[in-house]
Each structure stands twice: as C-alpha cells, then as structure tokens.
PDB file of N, CA and C in Angstrom:
ATOM      1  N   MET A   1     112.938  98.026 110.000  1.00  0.00           N
ATOM      2  CA  MET A   1     113.855  99.261 109.224  1.00  0.00           C
ATOM      3  C   MET A   1     115.034  98.814 109.372  1.00  0.00           C
ATOM      4  N   GLY A   2     116.116  98.553 110.630  1.00  0.00           N
ATOM      5  CA  GLY A   2     117.306  98.056 110.300  1.00  0.00           C
ATOM      6  C   GLY A   2     117.607  96.955 109.265  1.00  0.00           C
ATOM      7  N   ASN A   3     116.603  96.309 108.643  1.00  0.00           N
ATOM      8  CA  ASN A   3     117.047  95.521 107.550  1.00  0.00           C
ATOM      9  C   ASN A   3     116.843  96.198 106.470  1.00  0.00           C
ATOM     10  N   LEU A   4     116.363  97.199 106.257  1.00  0.00           N
ATOM     11  CA  LEU A   4     115.983  97.989 105.336  1.00  0.00           C
ATOM     12  C   LEU A   4     117.417  99.056 104.631  1.00  0.00           C
ATOM     13  N   LYS A   5     118.269  99.081 105.943  1.00  0.00           N
ATOM     14  CA  LYS A   5     119.426 100.367 105.931  1.00  0.00           C
ATOM     15  C   LYS A   5     120.222  99.042 105.316  1.00  0.00           C
ATOM     16  N   LYS A   6     120.361  97.711 105.707  1.00  0.00           N
ATOM     17  CA  LYS A   6     121.171  96.754 105.790  1.00  0.00           C
ATOM     18  C   LYS A   6     121.205  97.250 104.131  1.00  0.00           C
ATOM     19  N   LYS A   7     119.941  96.523 103.665  1.00  0.00           N
ATOM     20  CA  LYS A   7     119.906  96.595 102.379  1.00  0.00           C
ATOM     21  C   LYS A   7     120.754  97.538 101.881  1.00  0.00           C
ATOM     22  N   ARG A   8     120.137  98.563 102.230  1.00  0.00           N
ATOM     23  CA  ARG A   8     120.922  99.937 101.443  1.00  0.00           C
ATOM     24  C   ARG A   8     122.368  99.823 101.245  1.00  0.00           C
ATOM     25  N   ARG A   9     122.785  99.550 102.236  1.00  0.00           N
ATOM     26  CA  ARG A   9     123.805  99.738 101.844  1.00  0.00           C
ATOM     27  C   ARG A   9     124.621  99.034 101.574  1.00  0.00           C
ATOM     28  N   LEU A  10     124.271  97.782 101.048  1.00  0.00           N
ATOM     29  CA  LEU A  10     124.854  96.824 100.497  1.00  0.00           C
ATOM     30  C   LEU A  10     124.444  97.566  98.989  1.00  0.00           C
ATOM     31  N   LYS A  11     123.597  98.217  98.766  1.00  0.00           N
ATOM     32  CA  LYS A  11     123.567  97.987  96.847  1.00  0.00           C
ATOM     33  C   LYS A  11     124.457  99.332  97.027  1.00  0.00           C
ATOM     34  N   MET A  12     124.428 100.236  98.170  1.00  0.00           N
ATOM     35  CA  MET A  12     125.914 101.412  97.846  1.00  0.00           C
ATOM     36  C   MET A  12     127.011 101.209  97.557  1.00  0.00           C
ATOM     37  N   SER A  13     127.288 100.228  98.220  1.00  0.00           N
ATOM     38  CA  SER A  13     128.865  99.303  98.641  1.00  0.00           C
ATOM     39  C   SER A  13     129.029  98.373  96.894  1.00  0.00           C
ATOM     40  N   LYS A  14     128.030  97.889  96.528  1.00  0.00           N
ATOM     41  CA  LYS A  14     128.334  97.871  95.448  1.00  0.00           C
ATOM     42  C   LYS A  14     128.606  98.590  94.358  1.00  0.00           C
ATOM     43  N   HIS A  15     127.455  99.740  94.093  1.00  0.00           N
ATOM     44  CA  HIS A  15     128.244 100.781  93.241  1.00  0.00           C
ATOM     45  C   HIS A  15     129.434 101.346  93.070  1.00  0.00           C
ATOM     46  N   LYS A  16     129.843 101.572  94.391  1.00  0.00           N
ATOM     47  CA  LYS A  16     131.207 101.979  94.855  1.00  0.00           C
ATOM     48  C   LYS A  16     132.132 101.286  94.464  1.00  0.00           C
ATOM     49  N   ARG A  17     131.888  99.930  94.869  1.00  0.00           N
ATOM     50  CA  ARG A  17     133.086  99.344  94.522  1.00  0.00           C
ATOM     51  C   ARG A  17     133.322  98.875  92.990  1.00  0.00           C
ATOM     52  N   ARG A  18     131.753  99.096  91.940  1.00  0.00           N
ATOM     53  CA  ARG A  18     132.111  98.978  90.547  1.00  0.00           C
ATOM     54  C   ARG A  18     132.903 100.261  90.357  1.00  0.00           C
ATOM     55  N   LYS A  19     132.867 101.175  90.616  1.00  0.00           N
ATOM     56  CA  LYS A  19     133.186 102.474  90.130  1.00  0.00           C
ATOM     57  C   LYS A  19     134.585 102.350  90.841  1.00  0.00           C
ATOM     58  N   ARG A  20     135.377 101.741  91.260  1.00  0.00           N
ATOM     59  CA  ARG A  20     136.675 102.156  91.717  1.00  0.00           C
ATOM     60  C   ARG A  20     136.953 100.980  91.207  1.00  0.00           C
ATOM     61  N   LEU A  21     136.523  99.937  90.539  1.00  0.00           N
ATOM     62  CA  LEU A  21     137.173  98.979  89.612  1.00  0.00           C
ATOM     63  C   LEU A  21     137.655  99.719  88.122  1.00  0.00           C
ATOM     64  N   LYS A  22     136.825 100.336  87.673  1.00  0.00           N
ATOM     65  CA  LYS A  22     136.635 100.776  86.832  1.00  0.00           C
ATOM     66  C   LYS A  22     138.112 102.298  86.597  1.00  0.00           C
ATOM     67  N   SER A  23     137.831 102.779  87.559  1.00  0.00           N
ATOM     68  CA  SER A  23     139.241 103.887  88.177  1.00  0.00           C
ATOM     69  C   SER A  23     140.154 103.039  87.986  1.00  0.00           C
ATOM     70  N   ASN A  24     139.990 102.111  88.736  1.00  0.00           N
ATOM     71  CA  ASN A  24     141.485 101.154  89.093  1.00  0.00           C
ATOM     72  C   ASN A  24     142.010 100.638  87.378  1.00  0.00           C
ATOM     73  N   ARG A  25     140.968 100.197  86.707  1.00  0.00           N
ATOM     74  CA  ARG A  25     141.505 100.370  85.646  1.00  0.00           C
ATOM     75  C   ARG A  25     142.047 101.152  84.511  1.00  0.00           C
ATOM     76  N   HIS A  26     141.509 102.279  85.113  1.00  0.00           N
ATOM     77  CA  HIS A  26     142.020 103.227  83.574  1.00  0.00           C
ATOM     78  C   HIS A  26     143.928 104.068  84.195  1.00  0.00           C
ATOM     79  N   LYS A  27     143.334 103.688  85.863  1.00  0.00           N
ATOM     80  CA  LYS A  27     145.001 103.920  86.057  1.00  0.00           C
ATOM     81  C   LYS A  27     146.295 102.872  86.033  1.00  0.00           C
ATOM     82  N   LYS A  28     145.696 101.490  85.911  1.00  0.00           N
ATOM     83  CA  LYS A  28     146.970 100.247  85.304  1.00  0.00           C
ATOM     84  C   LYS A  28     146.814 100.477  83.975  1.00  0.00           C
ATOM     85  N   ARG A  29     146.108 101.138  82.927  1.00  0.00           N
ATOM     86  CA  ARG A  29     146.181 101.260  81.621  1.00  0.00           C
ATOM     87  C   ARG A  29     147.328 102.532  81.515  1.00  0.00           C
ATOM     88  N   THR A  30     147.313 103.690  82.265  1.00  0.00           N
ATOM     89  CA  THR A  30     148.069 104.656  82.369  1.00  0.00           C
ATOM     90  C   THR A  30     149.544 104.263  82.851  1.00  0.00           C
ATOM     91  N   TRP A  31     149.768 103.716  83.901  1.00  0.00           N
ATOM     92  CA  TRP A  31     150.940 102.676  84.507  1.00  0.00           C
ATOM     93  C   TRP A  31     151.540 102.275  83.174  1.00  0.00           C
ATOM     94  N   GLN A  32     150.948 101.068  82.219  1.00  0.00           N
ATOM     95  CA  GLN A  32     151.519 100.515  81.666  1.00  0.00           C
ATOM     96  C   GLN A  32     152.151 100.888  80.957  1.00  0.00           C
ATOM     97  N   LYS A  33     151.820 102.566  80.127  1.00  0.00           N
ATOM     98  CA  LYS A  33     151.587 103.318  79.143  1.00  0.00           C
ATOM     99  C   LYS A  33     153.115 104.339  79.447  1.00  0.00           C
TER     100      LYS A  33
END
C-alpha cells in the first residue's frame, strides 16, 4: 500500500509541474508585452 501511494504521488506531482510550467510561460509572455 505504501508503495502505491508513493507512485500515485509522483504521478500527481508530475501533472502539477506541467501545469505550473504552462502557466509560468503565459505569465512570462504577458510580462514581456
């Protein structure tokens, strides 16, 4: 059970990281404008 939880956490963090990168990209664009 512990291992499964760890794996699930890794997957979630990966998704969050991707979303953050996308939002950061948009923020940078508006900043340059």
